[in-house]
Amino acid sequence: MPDIESMPLDQKLAVRAARDRLMREFRDKLGAETVDSVMDASWEQMEAAARLKTHVPNLAERFARAQLWALARMRGHHEGVPAVVFIDTYDAGRGRMANAVFARRAGRHGLSFSAGTDPKVGLDGPVLDAMSEIGISLAGTFPKPYTSDILQAADVVVTFAGTPQVPVPDSTRHIVWDVPDPRGHTLEEVRAIRDDLVARTDTLADSLGVPRTG
């Protein structure tokens, strides 16, 4: 649990605001105790991994929201929309790109999440540039670990060639995409990877009945 009182004022306010937002979103579905415990666990994970401690409140809130989303979905609060989880090794390329493309395509008609088996911080410049060219910014995203709750809540888990084995539940649709890791590639090469991911993501969304939102 973060020691809120010992934090600088700006972080203290950020943590309290994050808890308030998560409580408003999930208290009625999961209960205040669950929201608090997930936020605390997320804080511990993000604090251990973050290079800049000032980013921890924001990172912890985002990871906690994904965890709470998974728990709520497992308890029946899914609003009838499909959920897709994209898992790469580092969550620093293919998975994050595909997640952003699916999220834009699906809008409110689908849920998606990206994660890594060994999540690392940092995206290559060509990855950021290639996605920016199609109107998607990855600047505010960050690498995240997956959890068993997130896997169980998914309708589809997409992993990528070369990613370590992931314990996808037997009842969950599992797809492996043979797409190169864009890290270390030129912008031209990343564009080709991006276009492949866009085509694959559109096909997946179509198979799930996700309408095109623009």
Protein backbone atom coordinates (compact mmCIF):
# COMPACT_ATOMS: atom_id res chain seq x y z
CA MET A 1 0.00 0.00 0.00
CA PRO A 2 1.44 3.44 -0.89
CA ASP A 3 2.29 5.68 2.04
CA ILE A 4 0.22 8.59 0.79
CA GLU A 5 1.00 10.95 3.65
CA SER A 6 4.74 10.81 2.99
CA MET A 7 4.36 11.76 -0.69
CA PRO A 8 4.88 15.18 -2.23
CA LEU A 9 1.61 17.10 -2.50
CA ASP A 10 1.20 16.61 -6.27
CA GLN A 11 1.59 12.82 -6.01
CA LYS A 12 -0.66 12.70 -2.98
CA LEU A 13 -3.41 14.49 -4.90
CA ALA A 14 -2.85 12.27 -7.94
CA VAL A 15 -3.25 9.06 -5.90
CA ARG A 16 -6.40 10.29 -4.20
CA ALA A 17 -7.89 11.39 -7.53
CA ALA A 18 -7.06 8.01 -9.08
CA ARG A 19 -8.75 6.14 -6.24
CA ASP A 20 -11.81 8.36 -6.54
CA ARG A 21 -12.09 7.68 -10.27
CA LEU A 22 -11.73 3.94 -9.86
CA MET A 23 -14.25 3.91 -7.03
CA ARG A 24 -16.81 5.72 -9.19
CA GLU A 25 -16.25 3.27 -12.04
CA PHE A 26 -16.11 -0.03 -10.16
CA ARG A 27 -17.43 0.24 -6.57
CA ASP A 28 -20.99 -0.74 -7.49
CA LYS A 29 -19.76 -3.72 -9.51
CA LEU A 30 -16.95 -5.02 -7.30
CA GLY A 31 -17.11 -3.28 -3.92
CA ALA A 32 -14.83 -0.69 -2.34
CA GLU A 33 -12.55 -3.27 -0.69
CA THR A 34 -11.74 -4.93 -4.02
CA VAL A 35 -11.05 -1.59 -5.70
CA ASP A 36 -8.68 -0.62 -2.90
CA SER A 37 -6.83 -3.94 -2.90
CA VAL A 38 -6.34 -3.91 -6.68
CA MET A 39 -5.12 -0.32 -6.59
CA ASP A 40 -2.63 -1.18 -3.84
CA ALA A 41 -1.29 -4.21 -5.73
CA SER A 42 -1.02 -2.21 -8.93
CA TRP A 43 0.87 0.52 -7.11
CA GLU A 44 3.42 -1.97 -5.82
CA GLN A 45 4.01 -3.42 -9.27
CA MET A 46 4.31 -0.10 -11.04
CA GLU A 47 6.51 1.44 -8.34
CA ALA A 48 8.95 -1.47 -8.66
CA ALA A 49 9.13 -1.10 -12.45
CA ALA A 50 8.90 2.66 -13.02
CA ARG A 51 12.03 4.62 -13.79
CA LEU A 52 10.42 7.91 -12.81
CA LYS A 53 8.47 7.72 -9.55
CA THR A 54 6.37 10.73 -10.52
CA HIS A 55 4.73 8.51 -13.16
CA VAL A 56 3.68 5.82 -10.69
CA PRO A 57 0.21 7.21 -9.81
CA ASN A 58 -0.80 7.36 -13.48
CA LEU A 59 0.68 3.96 -14.32
CA ALA A 60 -0.88 2.34 -11.25
CA GLU A 61 -4.30 3.74 -12.11
CA ARG A 62 -4.15 2.42 -15.67
CA PHE A 63 -3.01 -1.04 -14.64
CA ALA A 64 -5.57 -1.17 -11.82
CA ARG A 65 -8.31 -0.20 -14.26
CA ALA A 66 -7.37 -3.11 -16.53
CA GLN A 67 -7.41 -5.50 -13.58
CA LEU A 68 -10.75 -4.21 -12.34
CA TRP A 69 -12.18 -4.40 -15.84
CA ALA A 70 -11.16 -8.06 -15.98
CA LEU A 71 -12.69 -8.83 -12.59
CA ALA A 72 -15.92 -7.02 -13.47
CA ARG A 73 -16.16 -8.87 -16.75
CA MET A 74 -15.65 -12.22 -15.02
CA ARG A 75 -18.57 -11.35 -12.74
CA GLY A 76 -20.88 -10.67 -15.67
CA HIS A 77 -20.45 -6.92 -16.14
CA HIS A 78 -19.29 -6.98 -19.75
CA GLU A 79 -22.09 -5.11 -21.53
CA GLY A 80 -22.13 -7.70 -24.30
CA VAL A 81 -18.96 -6.53 -26.06
CA PRO A 82 -16.01 -8.79 -27.00
CA ALA A 83 -12.68 -8.47 -25.20
CA VAL A 84 -9.30 -9.08 -26.85
CA VAL A 85 -5.90 -9.29 -25.14
CA PHE A 86 -2.71 -8.85 -27.19
CA ILE A 87 0.41 -10.34 -25.60
CA ASP A 88 3.96 -9.81 -26.81
CA THR A 89 7.25 -10.42 -25.03
CA TYR A 90 7.99 -6.84 -23.99
CA ASP A 91 4.68 -5.07 -24.74
CA ALA A 92 6.85 -2.61 -26.62
CA GLY A 93 5.82 -3.09 -30.23
CA ARG A 94 3.43 -5.50 -31.95
CA GLY A 95 1.01 -5.95 -29.08
CA ARG A 96 0.71 -2.28 -28.26
CA MET A 97 0.30 -1.39 -31.92
CA ALA A 98 -2.44 -4.00 -32.44
CA ASN A 99 -4.21 -2.97 -29.25
CA ALA A 100 -4.33 0.66 -30.32
CA VAL A 101 -5.64 -0.26 -33.77
CA PHE A 102 -8.34 -2.54 -32.31
CA ALA A 103 -9.38 0.09 -29.76
CA ARG A 104 -9.83 2.71 -32.46
CA ARG A 105 -11.76 0.31 -34.69
CA ALA A 106 -14.01 -0.98 -31.89
CA GLY A 107 -14.71 2.18 -29.93
CA ARG A 108 -17.36 1.35 -27.34
CA HIS A 109 -18.19 -1.89 -29.17
CA GLY A 110 -15.16 -3.79 -27.88
CA LEU A 111 -12.56 -3.97 -25.12
CA SER A 112 -8.84 -4.57 -25.59
CA PHE A 113 -5.65 -4.71 -23.59
CA SER A 114 -1.98 -5.28 -24.39
CA ALA A 115 0.56 -6.88 -22.10
CA GLY A 116 3.97 -8.50 -22.05
CA THR A 117 5.51 -11.65 -20.64
CA ASP A 118 8.53 -9.51 -19.72
CA PRO A 119 7.27 -5.93 -20.09
CA LYS A 120 9.89 -3.28 -20.79
CA VAL A 121 9.70 0.49 -20.92
CA GLY A 122 10.20 2.31 -24.18
CA LEU A 123 9.00 2.31 -27.78
CA ASP A 124 11.29 2.78 -30.75
CA GLY A 125 10.94 6.06 -32.63
CA PRO A 126 9.91 4.36 -35.90
CA VAL A 127 7.05 2.60 -34.07
CA LEU A 128 5.77 5.90 -32.71
CA ASP A 129 6.16 7.57 -36.10
CA ALA A 130 4.48 4.79 -38.07
CA MET A 131 1.45 4.81 -35.80
CA SER A 132 1.29 8.60 -35.80
CA GLU A 133 1.04 8.47 -39.60
CA ILE A 134 -2.34 6.72 -39.29
CA GLY A 135 -3.55 9.05 -36.56
CA ILE A 136 -2.76 6.91 -33.51
CA SER A 137 -0.53 8.18 -30.72
CA LEU A 138 1.25 5.64 -28.52
CA ALA A 139 2.98 8.36 -26.51
CA GLY A 140 0.79 7.86 -23.44
CA THR A 141 0.94 4.07 -23.39
CA PHE A 142 3.18 1.93 -21.21
CA PRO A 143 4.27 -1.72 -20.94
CA LYS A 144 2.17 -3.91 -18.65
CA PRO A 145 2.30 -7.48 -17.35
CA TYR A 146 -0.62 -9.81 -17.94
CA THR A 147 -2.47 -11.56 -15.14
CA SER A 148 -4.59 -14.69 -14.91
CA ASP A 149 -7.70 -12.54 -14.37
CA ILE A 150 -7.09 -10.67 -17.60
CA LEU A 151 -6.58 -13.91 -19.53
CA GLN A 152 -9.75 -15.43 -18.07
CA ALA A 153 -11.77 -12.34 -18.92
CA ALA A 154 -10.75 -12.31 -22.58
CA ASP A 155 -12.79 -13.73 -25.44
CA VAL A 156 -9.67 -13.85 -27.60
CA VAL A 157 -5.98 -13.87 -26.69
CA VAL A 158 -3.59 -12.95 -29.49
CA THR A 159 0.07 -13.83 -29.02
CA PHE A 160 2.92 -13.27 -31.45
CA ALA A 161 5.54 -15.56 -32.96
CA GLY A 162 8.54 -15.79 -30.66
CA THR A 163 6.63 -14.81 -27.52
CA PRO A 164 7.13 -17.15 -24.54
CA GLN A 165 4.25 -19.50 -23.86
CA VAL A 166 1.24 -17.91 -22.19
CA PRO A 167 -1.22 -19.98 -20.07
CA VAL A 168 -4.32 -19.18 -22.10
CA PRO A 169 -7.43 -20.87 -20.66
CA ASP A 170 -8.66 -23.84 -22.70
CA SER A 171 -12.04 -22.18 -23.16
CA THR A 172 -10.54 -19.01 -24.65
CA ARG A 173 -9.89 -18.53 -28.35
CA HIS A 174 -6.13 -18.29 -28.88
CA ILE A 175 -4.55 -16.91 -32.06
CA VAL A 176 -0.85 -16.68 -32.89
CA TRP A 177 0.14 -13.98 -35.36
CA ASP A 178 3.36 -14.45 -37.31
CA VAL A 179 4.27 -10.77 -37.36
CA PRO A 180 7.87 -9.52 -36.95
CA ASP A 181 8.89 -7.59 -33.86
CA PRO A 182 9.22 -3.96 -35.06
CA ARG A 183 11.91 -3.05 -32.57
CA GLY A 184 15.16 -2.15 -34.30
CA HIS A 185 13.58 -1.87 -37.74
CA THR A 186 13.55 1.12 -40.07
CA LEU A 187 10.47 3.29 -40.49
CA GLU A 188 9.75 1.74 -43.88
CA GLU A 189 9.91 -1.75 -42.38
CA VAL A 190 7.72 -0.74 -39.43
CA ARG A 191 5.13 0.66 -41.86
CA ALA A 192 4.83 -2.78 -43.45
CA ILE A 193 4.42 -4.38 -40.01
CA ARG A 194 1.83 -1.76 -39.08
CA ASP A 195 -0.19 -2.37 -42.24
CA ASP A 196 -0.11 -6.11 -41.62
CA LEU A 197 -1.38 -5.57 -38.06
CA VAL A 198 -4.16 -3.28 -39.29
CA ALA A 199 -5.33 -5.90 -41.78
CA ARG A 200 -5.19 -8.72 -39.21
CA THR A 201 -6.96 -6.61 -36.59
CA ASP A 202 -9.75 -5.70 -38.99
CA THR A 203 -10.25 -9.38 -39.84
CA LEU A 204 -10.36 -10.26 -36.13
CA ALA A 205 -12.82 -7.46 -35.38
CA ASP A 206 -15.05 -8.58 -38.25
CA SER A 207 -15.04 -12.15 -36.90
CA LEU A 208 -16.19 -10.81 -33.52
CA GLY A 209 -19.00 -8.77 -35.04
CA VAL A 210 -17.39 -5.44 -34.12
CA PRO A 211 -18.82 -2.69 -36.33
CA ARG A 212 -16.59 -0.17 -38.02
CA THR A 213 -16.69 3.11 -36.10
CA GLY A 214 -14.83 5.21 -38.64
